[in-house]
Amino acid sequence: MRSRPARPSTARATSPAGSPSSTGSISPLRSAGTTRKPPALSTSRPAFAPNSAPQTSSSSRPDAGGPYTRRVPRTERGYRCSSCGWTTVAYVGRCPGCQAWNTLEPFAEAPRGTAASRRPGAAAPAASLVRLGDVEGDTAERHATAIPEFDRVLGGGIVPGSLILVGGDPGIGKSTLMLQAAASLARGGLRVACICGEESPRQVRMRAERLGVADAPVDLIADPSLDAALAAAESAGVDVLVVDSIQSVTVEGLESRAGGPAQLAEAGARLLAFAKGTGTATLVTGHVTKGGEVAGPKLLEHLVDVVLYFESAEGGVLRLLRAVKNRFGATDELGLFEMTGAGLQSVENASAAFLAPHAPGASGCAITAVIEGSRPLAVEVQALAVPSALAAPRRIAAGIEPARLHLLLAVLARRGGIPAGALDIVASVSGGLRLRDTSADLAICLALASAIHDRPLPAGTAFLGELALSGAVRPVHQANRRLAELARLGLRGAVVPAGTAAVEGLQLTRVASLADALERVGLSGLPVRAVPHHDALQQPQRGEQADQ
């Protein structure tokens, strides 16, 4: 039997003072029932080396120089909506700002040297104060483009140092109008430059040849970088700068696609600073999205001085240029152009362009006059009523707000005694003009009544008046100018509200209510024609089949 080897001793060496040694020792096991107390926290402040800096929180950092007095800016990252500019740090499928789906795109913006990057406590430089009476007045003359309708909408021409935004659907004629205006200004002795971001210089040359302005001394800048293009324009001392378009230029330092919300906002701010700082008149084109907004979100309308919109009738040759915002002229001004092979041509007689020829004796046609900006226009409202086989008859409006059409149909049924609940109603405005003037209410109602009864209105007669829910015909503003325009076009009479002043060349028929107007034109008291309703088109019941 083998002997078990001797077990090594577990006794530890002790120091002369009776304390365990610090090296080569194993701590003995605690006896059962004993507890170990946690080490006491030291309340004394640790000593630092003479050359070491104390670690302090960001809120108690001193303002003196050193590595802790300057905060390091971080790159901003997240997701931004391409439609409204709403930002978030996490991706979501639907934007809470505009309720659009799948419009969030990632972005990463470099830090900027703004006030947020300065050290805390640093004061911004004080701005200077200038009294209003001490500011010098603007004595600079406007730059006339020699395009009558364009100058009319601008208020007489282009103001030096202004920023103008021209929006519209793609292909409506924005680039054509800008090139024509640039060529006309350059031929007048001004230095004009064009940033062609969407087209190459060769394409611009081909367009100029079609328009007959290839010999105009217009400078082209074919650089998508906005900073480089503005530097070139400033060094050349241009008087007018055209940017075509703002979605095609890029701003250095932003990691987002061209045409995005961040790019548009920064490009608009830099163009505004360039125009105001150098006194250069700047014209910018921007596309309109499906939602009817310029350049995606409306990030530029509050920055620019003038906002112009191009409108067009579907499939038509007429182009309407409307001023929505103008700091140097009247808003809601309207310019009329015709697209031809030689470019956009101004339409001098706008009223004649909106009066569509029709067969004599046609029902559902009524002429009225509206005020667009500073001039009256004669337009024709057309209506059509056909039997409906649907449970809910259709209401189709072109150039008229659908809510306004429903309101006028209700007034016509209640106050005029002409219901249209079993008819499909189609109403439109000739020329593609959008009626925003309520003075055309009487003309719309009489055109509807004429279409429902299939009887024409008196030839050579116009209709003016705003309708109340009670059926009363209210007076309209600037009635004399409207009637004078109608008389110039050769109309013989007009149905107007009571109290309207007489105009030479027109025989006025004054009415106080819709019922009175219907009686004057011979549409009152007529039986509503029999219309097969959808209930009459249904199959007969079982009992009826048995009787048959």
Protein backbone atom coordinates (compact mmCIF):
# COMPACT_ATOMS: atom_id res chain seq x y z
CA MET A 1 0.00 0.00 0.00
CA ARG A 2 1.44 3.26 -1.17
CA SER A 3 1.67 6.15 1.20
CA ARG A 4 -0.21 9.40 0.32
CA PRO A 5 2.13 12.30 -0.44
CA ALA A 6 2.38 14.98 2.07
CA ARG A 7 -0.06 17.89 1.54
CA PRO A 8 1.59 21.26 1.09
CA SER A 9 1.23 23.60 3.97
CA THR A 10 -1.36 26.39 3.62
CA ALA A 11 0.10 28.53 6.31
CA ARG A 12 1.08 31.87 5.00
CA ALA A 13 4.05 33.86 5.90
CA THR A 14 3.50 36.76 8.21
CA SER A 15 5.32 39.93 8.56
CA PRO A 16 7.17 40.75 11.69
CA ALA A 17 4.28 42.89 12.83
CA GLY A 18 1.86 39.97 12.51
CA SER A 19 0.15 41.17 9.34
CA PRO A 20 -0.08 39.05 6.19
CA SER A 21 2.63 39.64 3.66
CA SER A 22 1.77 41.23 0.34
CA THR A 23 3.50 38.68 -1.86
CA GLY A 24 3.17 34.92 -2.26
CA SER A 25 0.14 34.68 0.04
CA ILE A 26 -3.30 33.13 -0.31
CA SER A 27 -6.10 34.63 1.71
CA PRO A 28 -7.66 32.14 4.13
CA LEU A 29 -11.31 31.10 3.83
CA ARG A 30 -13.73 33.01 5.99
CA SER A 31 -15.28 31.10 8.78
CA ALA A 32 -18.99 30.34 8.61
CA GLY A 33 -21.29 33.00 10.00
CA THR A 34 -18.94 35.88 9.41
CA THR A 35 -19.72 38.86 7.10
CA ARG A 36 -17.41 41.00 5.09
CA LYS A 37 -17.86 44.74 5.28
CA PRO A 38 -17.63 46.74 2.03
CA PRO A 39 -14.71 49.10 1.74
CA ALA A 40 -15.44 52.58 3.01
CA LEU A 41 -15.74 55.30 0.38
CA SER A 42 -13.03 57.88 0.60
CA THR A 43 -14.30 61.43 1.01
CA SER A 44 -10.96 63.06 0.47
CA ARG A 45 -10.27 64.70 -2.89
CA PRO A 46 -7.61 62.84 -4.84
CA ALA A 47 -4.41 64.66 -5.39
CA PHE A 48 -3.43 65.53 -8.93
CA ALA A 49 -0.01 65.85 -10.35
CA PRO A 50 1.24 69.41 -10.81
CA ASN A 51 1.14 69.12 -14.58
CA SER A 52 -2.16 67.24 -14.89
CA ALA A 53 -5.50 68.93 -15.52
CA PRO A 54 -8.49 68.10 -13.32
CA GLN A 55 -11.33 66.25 -15.03
CA THR A 56 -14.40 68.43 -14.94
CA SER A 57 -17.86 68.19 -16.47
CA SER A 58 -18.79 70.06 -19.63
CA SER A 59 -20.93 72.47 -17.61
CA SER A 60 -18.03 73.51 -15.34
CA ARG A 61 -15.30 73.79 -17.90
CA PRO A 62 -13.36 77.04 -17.63
CA ASP A 63 -13.35 79.58 -20.40
CA ALA A 64 -9.59 79.76 -20.47
CA GLY A 65 -7.62 78.21 -23.28
CA GLY A 66 -7.09 74.50 -23.29
CA PRO A 67 -8.37 71.30 -24.79
CA TYR A 68 -11.60 71.40 -22.77
CA THR A 69 -12.78 74.89 -23.73
CA ARG A 70 -13.68 73.98 -27.31
CA ARG A 71 -16.47 71.61 -28.22
CA VAL A 72 -15.94 69.37 -31.22
CA PRO A 73 -18.90 69.69 -33.66
CA ARG A 74 -20.42 66.45 -34.81
CA THR A 75 -21.89 65.57 -38.20
CA GLU A 76 -25.67 65.65 -38.21
CA ARG A 77 -27.19 62.44 -39.53
CA GLY A 78 -30.74 61.26 -39.98
CA TYR A 79 -33.57 61.07 -42.49
CA ARG A 80 -35.25 63.95 -44.30
CA CYS A 81 -38.53 63.98 -46.21
CA SER A 82 -38.01 64.90 -49.87
CA SER A 83 -41.46 66.52 -50.03
CA CYS A 84 -41.72 68.73 -46.94
CA GLY A 85 -38.24 68.70 -45.35
CA TRP A 86 -39.26 67.02 -42.08
CA THR A 87 -36.28 65.36 -40.36
CA THR A 88 -35.94 62.49 -37.91
CA VAL A 89 -33.18 60.29 -36.55
CA ALA A 90 -35.04 57.03 -37.27
CA TYR A 91 -36.65 55.87 -40.49
CA VAL A 92 -40.42 55.77 -40.76
CA GLY A 93 -42.52 54.74 -43.73
CA ARG A 94 -44.93 57.67 -43.66
CA CYS A 95 -43.86 61.27 -43.10
CA PRO A 96 -45.80 62.87 -40.20
CA GLY A 97 -45.32 66.30 -41.78
CA CYS A 98 -46.95 65.83 -45.17
CA GLN A 99 -48.45 62.32 -44.79
CA ALA A 100 -46.52 61.09 -47.85
CA TRP A 101 -45.27 57.51 -48.07
CA ASN A 102 -41.67 56.41 -48.73
CA THR A 103 -40.27 59.93 -49.06
CA LEU A 104 -37.61 59.81 -46.31
CA GLU A 105 -34.00 59.81 -47.51
CA PRO A 106 -30.81 59.56 -45.44
CA PHE A 107 -28.63 62.61 -45.08
CA ALA A 108 -25.38 63.56 -43.37
CA GLU A 109 -24.57 67.25 -43.06
CA ALA A 110 -21.15 68.55 -42.16
CA PRO A 111 -20.95 70.87 -39.13
CA ARG A 112 -21.07 74.56 -39.87
CA GLY A 113 -19.17 77.38 -38.27
CA THR A 114 -22.23 79.02 -36.73
CA ALA A 115 -22.88 80.52 -33.37
CA ALA A 116 -23.46 77.07 -31.92
CA SER A 117 -19.78 76.19 -32.51
CA ARG A 118 -18.46 79.15 -30.54
CA ARG A 119 -17.44 78.57 -26.97
CA PRO A 120 -20.08 79.29 -24.32
CA GLY A 121 -20.17 82.86 -23.18
CA ALA A 122 -18.76 84.32 -26.37
CA ALA A 123 -20.89 87.30 -27.42
CA ALA A 124 -21.93 87.86 -31.03
CA PRO A 125 -20.87 91.11 -32.70
CA ALA A 126 -23.44 93.86 -32.33
CA ALA A 127 -25.42 94.87 -35.41
CA SER A 128 -25.62 98.46 -36.60
CA LEU A 129 -28.79 100.55 -36.41
CA VAL A 130 -30.01 102.69 -39.30
CA ARG A 131 -32.97 105.05 -39.17
CA LEU A 132 -35.64 104.61 -41.78
CA GLY A 133 -35.39 108.23 -42.89
CA ASP A 134 -31.64 107.94 -43.43
CA VAL A 135 -31.92 105.03 -45.87
CA GLU A 136 -31.31 106.10 -49.44
CA GLY A 137 -34.22 105.60 -51.82
CA ASP A 138 -33.99 103.32 -54.82
CA THR A 139 -33.58 105.46 -57.90
CA ALA A 140 -32.52 102.66 -60.24
CA GLU A 141 -34.70 102.16 -63.26
CA ARG A 142 -36.33 98.85 -64.07
CA HIS A 143 -34.90 96.65 -66.78
CA ALA A 144 -37.59 96.33 -69.46
CA THR A 145 -37.54 92.99 -71.28
CA ALA A 146 -39.46 94.24 -74.36
CA ILE A 147 -41.97 91.40 -73.74
CA PRO A 148 -45.19 93.32 -72.98
CA GLU A 149 -47.00 90.61 -71.02
CA PHE A 150 -43.90 89.69 -68.99
CA ASP A 151 -43.26 93.33 -68.09
CA ARG A 152 -46.93 93.74 -67.15
CA VAL A 153 -46.80 90.87 -64.67
CA LEU A 154 -43.53 92.14 -63.18
CA GLY A 155 -45.01 95.59 -62.65
CA GLY A 156 -43.09 97.39 -65.40
CA GLY A 157 -39.83 95.45 -65.65
CA ILE A 158 -37.13 93.75 -63.59
CA VAL A 159 -35.93 95.60 -60.50
CA PRO A 160 -32.11 95.54 -60.02
CA GLY A 161 -31.09 93.35 -57.07
CA SER A 162 -34.38 91.42 -57.01
CA LEU A 163 -34.78 87.65 -56.83
CA ILE A 164 -37.55 86.31 -59.10
CA LEU A 165 -38.87 82.75 -59.07
CA VAL A 166 -40.70 81.42 -62.14
CA GLY A 167 -42.49 78.11 -61.56
CA GLY A 168 -44.50 75.81 -63.76
CA ASP A 169 -44.94 72.31 -65.08
CA PRO A 170 -42.05 70.78 -67.05
CA GLY A 171 -42.22 71.75 -70.72
CA ILE A 172 -44.63 74.65 -70.26
CA GLY A 173 -42.17 77.27 -71.55
CA LYS A 174 -40.11 78.55 -68.59
CA SER A 175 -36.74 78.11 -70.27
CA THR A 176 -38.07 79.60 -73.50
CA LEU A 177 -39.31 82.72 -71.73
CA MET A 178 -36.07 83.11 -69.76
CA LEU A 179 -33.94 82.82 -72.92
CA GLN A 180 -36.11 85.33 -74.77
CA ALA A 181 -35.92 87.79 -71.86
CA ALA A 182 -32.14 87.29 -71.50
CA ALA A 183 -31.56 87.92 -75.21
CA SER A 184 -33.71 91.05 -75.14
CA LEU A 185 -31.89 92.45 -72.09
CA ALA A 186 -28.47 91.63 -73.58
CA ARG A 187 -29.36 93.40 -76.81
CA GLY A 188 -30.35 96.41 -74.71
CA GLY A 189 -26.79 96.82 -73.41
CA LEU A 190 -26.92 94.80 -70.16
CA ARG A 191 -24.44 92.09 -69.20
CA VAL A 192 -26.52 88.90 -68.93
CA ALA A 193 -25.34 85.45 -67.86
CA CYS A 194 -27.25 82.17 -67.74
CA ILE A 195 -26.43 79.18 -65.53
CA CYS A 196 -27.57 76.30 -67.73
CA GLY A 197 -27.75 73.39 -65.32
CA GLU A 198 -30.39 71.35 -67.13
CA GLU A 199 -29.10 71.80 -70.69
CA SER A 200 -25.67 71.86 -72.21
CA PRO A 201 -24.43 75.00 -73.98
CA ARG A 202 -25.01 73.25 -77.30
CA GLN A 203 -28.65 72.61 -76.45
CA VAL A 204 -29.08 76.22 -75.40
CA ARG A 205 -27.57 77.28 -78.73
CA MET A 206 -30.06 75.09 -80.63
CA ARG A 207 -32.96 76.60 -78.68
CA ALA A 208 -31.67 80.11 -79.40
CA GLU A 209 -31.52 79.35 -83.11
CA ARG A 210 -35.15 78.22 -83.10
CA LEU A 211 -36.14 81.43 -81.31
CA GLY A 212 -34.04 83.62 -83.57
CA VAL A 213 -31.84 85.01 -80.75
CA ALA A 214 -28.61 83.11 -81.42
CA ASP A 215 -26.73 86.36 -82.05
CA ALA A 216 -27.59 87.84 -78.63
CA PRO A 217 -24.51 88.46 -76.41
CA VAL A 218 -25.59 86.16 -73.56
CA ASP A 219 -22.89 84.48 -71.44
CA LEU A 220 -23.40 80.80 -70.53
CA ILE A 221 -22.10 79.20 -67.33
CA ALA A 222 -22.10 75.41 -67.64
CA ASP A 223 -21.11 74.51 -64.09
CA PRO A 224 -23.48 72.66 -61.74
CA SER A 225 -21.69 74.08 -58.69
CA LEU A 226 -23.61 77.13 -57.50
CA ASP A 227 -20.64 78.61 -55.64
CA ALA A 228 -18.40 78.43 -58.71
CA ALA A 229 -21.12 79.85 -60.95
CA LEU A 230 -21.83 82.77 -58.63
CA ALA A 231 -18.12 83.52 -58.36
CA ALA A 232 -17.85 83.60 -62.15
CA ALA A 233 -20.90 85.86 -62.44
CA GLU A 234 -19.57 88.25 -59.80
CA SER A 235 -16.14 88.47 -61.41
CA ALA A 236 -17.75 89.19 -64.80
CA GLY A 237 -19.91 91.95 -63.31
CA VAL A 238 -23.20 90.73 -64.78
CA ASP A 239 -26.34 92.83 -64.44
CA VAL A 240 -28.87 90.00 -64.83
CA LEU A 241 -28.35 86.34 -63.89
CA VAL A 242 -30.66 83.51 -64.99
CA VAL A 243 -30.57 80.16 -63.13
CA ASP A 244 -32.24 77.37 -65.12
CA SER A 245 -33.13 75.59 -62.92
CA ILE A 246 -32.63 75.63 -59.19
CA GLN A 247 -33.14 71.85 -59.00
CA SER A 248 -30.09 71.27 -61.19
CA VAL A 249 -27.48 73.25 -59.21
CA THR A 250 -25.65 71.90 -56.18
CA VAL A 251 -24.21 73.55 -53.09
CA GLU A 252 -20.83 72.34 -51.89
CA GLY A 253 -20.66 70.92 -48.37
CA LEU A 254 -24.10 69.29 -48.30
CA GLU A 255 -24.25 65.52 -48.63
CA SER A 256 -27.69 65.45 -50.21
CA ARG A 257 -28.91 65.08 -53.76
CA ALA A 258 -29.45 68.06 -56.03
CA GLY A 259 -33.00 69.31 -55.77
CA GLY A 260 -33.50 68.03 -52.23
CA PRO A 261 -34.91 70.20 -49.44
CA ALA A 262 -31.50 70.97 -47.93
CA GLN A 263 -30.00 71.87 -51.31
CA LEU A 264 -32.97 74.05 -52.27
CA ALA A 265 -33.00 75.95 -48.99
CA GLU A 266 -29.26 76.62 -49.04
CA ALA A 267 -29.24 77.50 -52.75
CA GLY A 268 -32.11 79.95 -52.25
CA ALA A 269 -30.31 81.61 -49.33
CA ARG A 270 -27.09 82.01 -51.29
CA LEU A 271 -28.87 83.36 -54.36
CA LEU A 272 -30.67 85.89 -52.16
CA ALA A 273 -27.39 87.00 -50.56
CA PHE A 274 -25.80 87.27 -54.02
CA ALA A 275 -28.66 89.34 -55.45
CA LYS A 276 -28.83 91.74 -52.51
CA GLY A 277 -25.08 92.00 -52.06
CA THR A 278 -24.14 92.66 -55.68
CA GLY A 279 -27.34 94.32 -56.93
CA THR A 280 -27.70 91.71 -59.68
CA ALA A 281 -31.23 90.91 -60.80
CA THR A 282 -31.57 87.13 -60.52
CA LEU A 283 -34.23 85.03 -62.25
CA VAL A 284 -34.66 81.43 -61.08
CA THR A 285 -36.83 78.74 -62.64
CA GLY A 286 -38.34 75.90 -60.62
CA HIS A 287 -40.48 72.92 -61.51
CA VAL A 288 -43.90 72.36 -59.99
CA THR A 289 -44.57 68.95 -58.46
CA LYS A 290 -47.77 66.91 -58.57
CA GLY A 291 -48.94 68.71 -55.46
CA GLY A 292 -48.64 72.08 -57.22
CA GLU A 293 -45.66 73.24 -55.21
CA VAL A 294 -42.62 74.99 -56.59
CA ALA A 295 -39.38 72.99 -56.32
CA GLY A 296 -40.89 70.33 -54.11
CA PRO A 297 -41.61 71.99 -50.78
CA LYS A 298 -42.36 75.69 -50.70
CA LEU A 299 -38.98 76.59 -49.30
CA LEU A 300 -38.29 79.49 -51.64
CA GLU A 301 -41.47 81.55 -51.80
CA HIS A 302 -40.75 83.41 -48.57
CA LEU A 303 -37.17 84.17 -49.66
CA VAL A 304 -37.72 85.58 -53.14
CA ASP A 305 -39.17 88.96 -54.07
CA VAL A 306 -41.44 87.83 -56.92
CA VAL A 307 -43.19 84.48 -57.48
CA LEU A 308 -44.63 83.81 -60.95
CA TYR A 309 -46.60 80.71 -61.97
CA PHE A 310 -47.03 79.37 -65.49
CA GLU A 311 -50.44 77.84 -66.19
CA SER A 312 -51.79 76.21 -69.32
CA ALA A 313 -55.00 74.73 -70.58
CA GLU A 314 -54.63 71.02 -71.21
CA GLY A 315 -53.70 70.59 -74.84
CA GLY A 316 -54.01 74.34 -75.53
CA VAL A 317 -51.54 76.82 -76.96
CA LEU A 318 -52.29 79.61 -74.47
CA ARG A 319 -49.96 80.14 -71.51
CA LEU A 320 -51.01 82.12 -68.46
CA LEU A 321 -48.33 83.79 -66.34
CA ARG A 322 -49.76 84.74 -62.96
CA ALA A 323 -48.04 86.79 -60.23
CA VAL A 324 -48.66 85.23 -56.82
CA LYS A 325 -46.19 87.41 -54.90
CA ASN A 326 -44.67 90.69 -55.99
CA ARG A 327 -42.89 93.14 -53.71
CA PHE A 328 -42.54 95.65 -56.53
CA GLY A 329 -45.96 95.54 -58.17
CA ALA A 330 -49.53 94.27 -58.03
CA THR A 331 -50.15 90.68 -57.06
CA ASP A 332 -52.50 88.37 -58.94
CA GLU A 333 -51.52 90.08 -62.21
CA LEU A 334 -52.06 87.95 -65.31
CA GLY A 335 -50.07 87.76 -68.54
CA LEU A 336 -51.25 85.88 -71.61
CA PHE A 337 -48.89 84.21 -74.09
CA GLU A 338 -49.30 82.05 -77.14
CA MET A 339 -46.79 79.30 -77.85
CA THR A 340 -45.63 79.48 -81.46
CA GLY A 341 -42.74 78.15 -83.48
CA ALA A 342 -40.82 81.37 -82.75
CA GLY A 343 -41.34 81.11 -78.98
CA LEU A 344 -43.81 82.76 -76.65
CA GLN A 345 -45.69 85.67 -78.15
CA SER A 346 -47.67 88.19 -76.09
CA VAL A 347 -51.42 88.18 -76.71
CA GLU A 348 -52.57 91.78 -76.89
CA ASN A 349 -56.33 91.19 -77.15
CA ALA A 350 -56.74 88.75 -74.27
CA SER A 351 -60.54 88.94 -74.10
CA ALA A 352 -60.92 87.85 -77.70
CA ALA A 353 -58.71 84.84 -77.01
CA PHE A 354 -60.96 83.67 -74.18
CA LEU A 355 -64.23 84.01 -76.11
CA ALA A 356 -64.55 80.70 -77.88
CA PRO A 357 -66.64 80.69 -81.06
CA HIS A 358 -69.70 78.45 -80.96
CA ALA A 359 -72.68 77.69 -83.16
CA PRO A 360 -75.47 80.25 -82.94
CA GLY A 361 -78.34 79.08 -80.78
CA ALA A 362 -76.21 76.73 -78.65
CA SER A 363 -77.47 76.27 -75.12
CA GLY A 364 -75.35 76.44 -71.97
CA CYS A 365 -73.13 79.38 -73.03
CA ALA A 366 -72.87 82.60 -71.01
CA ILE A 367 -70.42 85.52 -71.27
CA THR A 368 -69.10 87.40 -68.25
CA ALA A 369 -66.23 89.74 -67.36
CA VAL A 370 -63.68 89.18 -64.60
CA ILE A 371 -60.82 91.28 -63.19
CA GLU A 372 -57.41 89.62 -63.39
CA GLY A 373 -54.82 91.79 -61.75
CA SER A 374 -55.21 95.26 -63.24
CA ARG A 375 -57.23 94.54 -66.37
CA PRO A 376 -60.70 93.17 -67.15
CA LEU A 377 -61.13 90.03 -69.22
CA ALA A 378 -64.22 88.76 -71.00
CA VAL A 379 -64.62 84.98 -70.68
CA GLU A 380 -67.26 82.46 -71.65
CA VAL A 381 -68.72 79.86 -69.30
CA GLN A 382 -70.02 76.68 -70.87
CA ALA A 383 -72.27 74.06 -69.28
CA LEU A 384 -73.74 70.74 -70.36
CA ALA A 385 -76.47 68.64 -68.71
CA VAL A 386 -77.16 65.05 -69.72
CA PRO A 387 -79.32 62.29 -68.19
CA SER A 388 -77.50 60.18 -65.61
CA ALA A 389 -77.87 56.45 -65.07
CA LEU A 390 -75.80 56.52 -61.87
CA ALA A 391 -76.98 56.58 -58.29
CA ALA A 392 -74.84 59.66 -57.68
CA PRO A 393 -74.77 61.91 -60.79
CA ARG A 394 -71.37 63.25 -61.70
CA ARG A 395 -70.21 66.86 -61.39
CA ILE A 396 -67.25 67.74 -63.62
CA ALA A 397 -65.69 71.23 -63.40
CA ALA A 398 -62.81 72.67 -65.45
CA GLY A 399 -61.66 76.14 -64.44
CA ILE A 400 -64.33 76.31 -61.69
CA GLU A 401 -63.87 75.09 -58.15
CA PRO A 402 -65.98 71.95 -57.61
CA ALA A 403 -67.22 73.26 -54.26
CA ARG A 404 -68.39 76.46 -55.96
CA LEU A 405 -70.21 74.46 -58.61
CA HIS A 406 -72.07 72.41 -55.98
CA LEU A 407 -73.02 75.59 -54.12
CA LEU A 408 -74.42 77.25 -57.25
CA LEU A 409 -76.36 74.11 -58.18
CA ALA A 410 -77.94 74.15 -54.73
CA VAL A 411 -78.90 77.84 -55.07
CA LEU A 412 -80.29 77.18 -58.54
CA ALA A 413 -82.44 74.31 -57.29
CA ARG A 414 -83.71 76.05 -54.17
CA ARG A 415 -84.03 79.70 -55.26
CA GLY A 416 -84.50 79.23 -58.98
CA GLY A 417 -86.69 76.15 -58.96
CA ILE A 418 -84.49 74.23 -61.41
CA PRO A 419 -83.26 70.98 -59.84
CA ALA A 420 -80.42 69.00 -61.37
CA GLY A 421 -80.29 65.99 -59.06
CA ALA A 422 -80.84 63.47 -61.87
CA LEU A 423 -78.40 65.02 -64.35
CA ASP A 424 -74.69 64.75 -64.99
CA ILE A 425 -73.35 68.32 -65.02
CA VAL A 426 -70.24 69.45 -66.88
CA ALA A 427 -69.04 73.08 -66.53
CA SER A 428 -65.92 74.66 -68.00
CA VAL A 429 -64.30 78.01 -68.81
CA SER A 430 -63.05 78.71 -72.31
CA GLY A 431 -59.34 79.27 -72.78
CA GLY A 432 -58.31 77.29 -69.70
CA LEU A 433 -58.68 80.26 -67.33
CA ARG A 434 -59.41 79.49 -63.68
CA LEU A 435 -62.31 81.56 -62.41
CA ARG A 436 -61.54 82.94 -58.97
CA ASP A 437 -63.79 85.98 -59.21
CA THR A 438 -67.23 85.50 -57.61
CA SER A 439 -68.72 88.02 -60.04
CA ALA A 440 -69.18 85.11 -62.48
CA ASP A 441 -71.75 83.37 -60.24
CA LEU A 442 -74.75 84.71 -62.16
CA ALA A 443 -73.26 83.69 -65.51
CA ILE A 444 -72.53 80.15 -64.23
CA CYS A 445 -76.07 79.72 -62.88
CA LEU A 446 -77.72 80.97 -66.08
CA ALA A 447 -75.46 78.74 -68.19
CA LEU A 448 -76.51 75.76 -66.05
CA ALA A 449 -80.20 76.70 -66.36
CA SER A 450 -79.82 77.07 -70.12
CA ALA A 451 -78.19 73.64 -70.38
CA ILE A 452 -80.82 71.97 -68.18
CA HIS A 453 -83.71 73.38 -70.24
CA ASP A 454 -81.69 73.10 -73.49
CA ARG A 455 -82.62 76.67 -74.45
CA PRO A 456 -80.06 79.30 -75.49
CA LEU A 457 -79.56 82.56 -73.67
CA PRO A 458 -80.13 85.90 -75.47
CA ALA A 459 -77.38 86.50 -78.03
CA GLY A 460 -74.96 89.37 -77.43
CA THR A 461 -75.77 89.57 -73.70
CA ALA A 462 -73.35 89.27 -70.79
CA PHE A 463 -74.11 88.48 -67.14
CA LEU A 464 -72.50 90.00 -64.05
CA GLY A 465 -73.28 89.42 -60.39
CA GLU A 466 -72.37 87.52 -57.24
CA LEU A 467 -75.01 85.19 -55.81
CA ALA A 468 -75.86 84.86 -52.15
CA LEU A 469 -77.37 81.74 -50.60
CA SER A 470 -80.66 83.60 -50.42
CA GLY A 471 -80.64 84.00 -54.20
CA ALA A 472 -79.93 87.73 -54.10
CA VAL A 473 -77.68 89.19 -56.79
CA ARG A 474 -74.94 91.24 -55.17
CA PRO A 475 -73.05 94.10 -56.85
CA VAL A 476 -69.51 93.58 -58.11
CA HIS A 477 -66.48 95.85 -57.78
CA GLN A 478 -65.12 97.78 -60.78
CA ALA A 479 -68.35 97.17 -62.69
CA ASN A 480 -67.71 100.11 -65.03
CA ARG A 481 -64.40 98.68 -66.24
CA ARG A 482 -65.97 95.27 -66.83
CA LEU A 483 -68.88 96.72 -68.78
CA ALA A 484 -66.57 98.95 -70.82
CA GLU A 485 -64.57 95.87 -71.86
CA LEU A 486 -67.78 94.09 -72.88
CA ALA A 487 -68.88 97.09 -74.91
CA ARG A 488 -65.49 97.23 -76.64
CA LEU A 489 -65.97 93.63 -77.77
CA GLY A 490 -69.29 94.49 -79.41
CA LEU A 491 -71.81 93.09 -76.93
CA ARG A 492 -75.19 94.83 -76.90
CA GLY A 493 -76.63 94.15 -73.44
CA ALA A 494 -75.82 92.94 -69.94
CA VAL A 495 -77.79 91.57 -66.97
CA VAL A 496 -76.32 93.28 -63.90
CA PRO A 497 -77.17 93.77 -60.21
CA ALA A 498 -79.54 96.54 -59.19
CA GLY A 499 -77.86 99.89 -58.73
CA THR A 500 -75.21 99.46 -61.43
CA ALA A 501 -74.34 102.69 -63.22
CA ALA A 502 -75.11 103.00 -66.91
CA VAL A 503 -72.36 102.52 -69.50
CA GLU A 504 -72.41 103.93 -72.98
CA GLY A 505 -72.99 101.31 -75.65
CA LEU A 506 -74.67 98.70 -73.42
CA GLN A 507 -78.30 98.17 -72.57
CA LEU A 508 -78.39 97.15 -68.92
CA THR A 509 -81.02 94.88 -67.38
CA ARG A 510 -80.91 95.30 -63.62
CA VAL A 511 -82.06 92.38 -61.45
CA ALA A 512 -82.27 91.86 -57.70
CA SER A 513 -82.48 88.07 -57.44
CA LEU A 514 -81.76 84.88 -59.33
CA ALA A 515 -85.47 84.28 -59.93
CA ASP A 516 -85.74 87.73 -61.49
CA ALA A 517 -82.78 87.04 -63.77
CA LEU A 518 -84.27 83.71 -64.90
CA GLU A 519 -87.53 85.44 -65.72
CA ARG A 520 -85.78 88.18 -67.74
CA VAL A 521 -83.98 85.63 -69.95
CA GLY A 522 -87.04 83.42 -70.42
CA LEU A 523 -85.97 80.43 -68.32
CA SER A 524 -88.49 80.80 -65.48
CA GLY A 525 -91.54 78.61 -65.11
CA LEU A 526 -90.44 76.05 -67.67
CA PRO A 527 -91.09 72.39 -66.85
CA VAL A 528 -88.04 70.37 -66.11
CA ARG A 529 -87.56 67.88 -68.88
CA ALA A 530 -88.24 64.25 -68.08
CA VAL A 531 -85.02 62.43 -67.31
CA PRO A 532 -84.74 58.67 -66.82
CA HIS A 533 -83.36 58.18 -63.33
CA HIS A 534 -81.33 55.17 -62.31
CA ASP A 535 -84.35 53.69 -60.50
CA ALA A 536 -86.28 53.63 -63.79
CA LEU A 537 -83.48 51.73 -65.46
CA GLN A 538 -83.55 48.88 -62.95
CA GLN A 539 -85.08 45.52 -63.76
CA PRO A 540 -88.80 45.06 -62.89
CA GLN A 541 -89.73 43.28 -59.71
CA ARG A 542 -91.06 39.73 -59.56
CA GLY A 543 -94.66 40.88 -59.29
CA GLU A 544 -94.30 43.02 -62.38
CA GLN A 545 -92.78 40.13 -64.28
CA ALA A 546 -95.71 37.93 -63.32
CA ASP A 547 -98.19 40.56 -64.49
CA GLN A 548 -96.43 40.73 -67.81
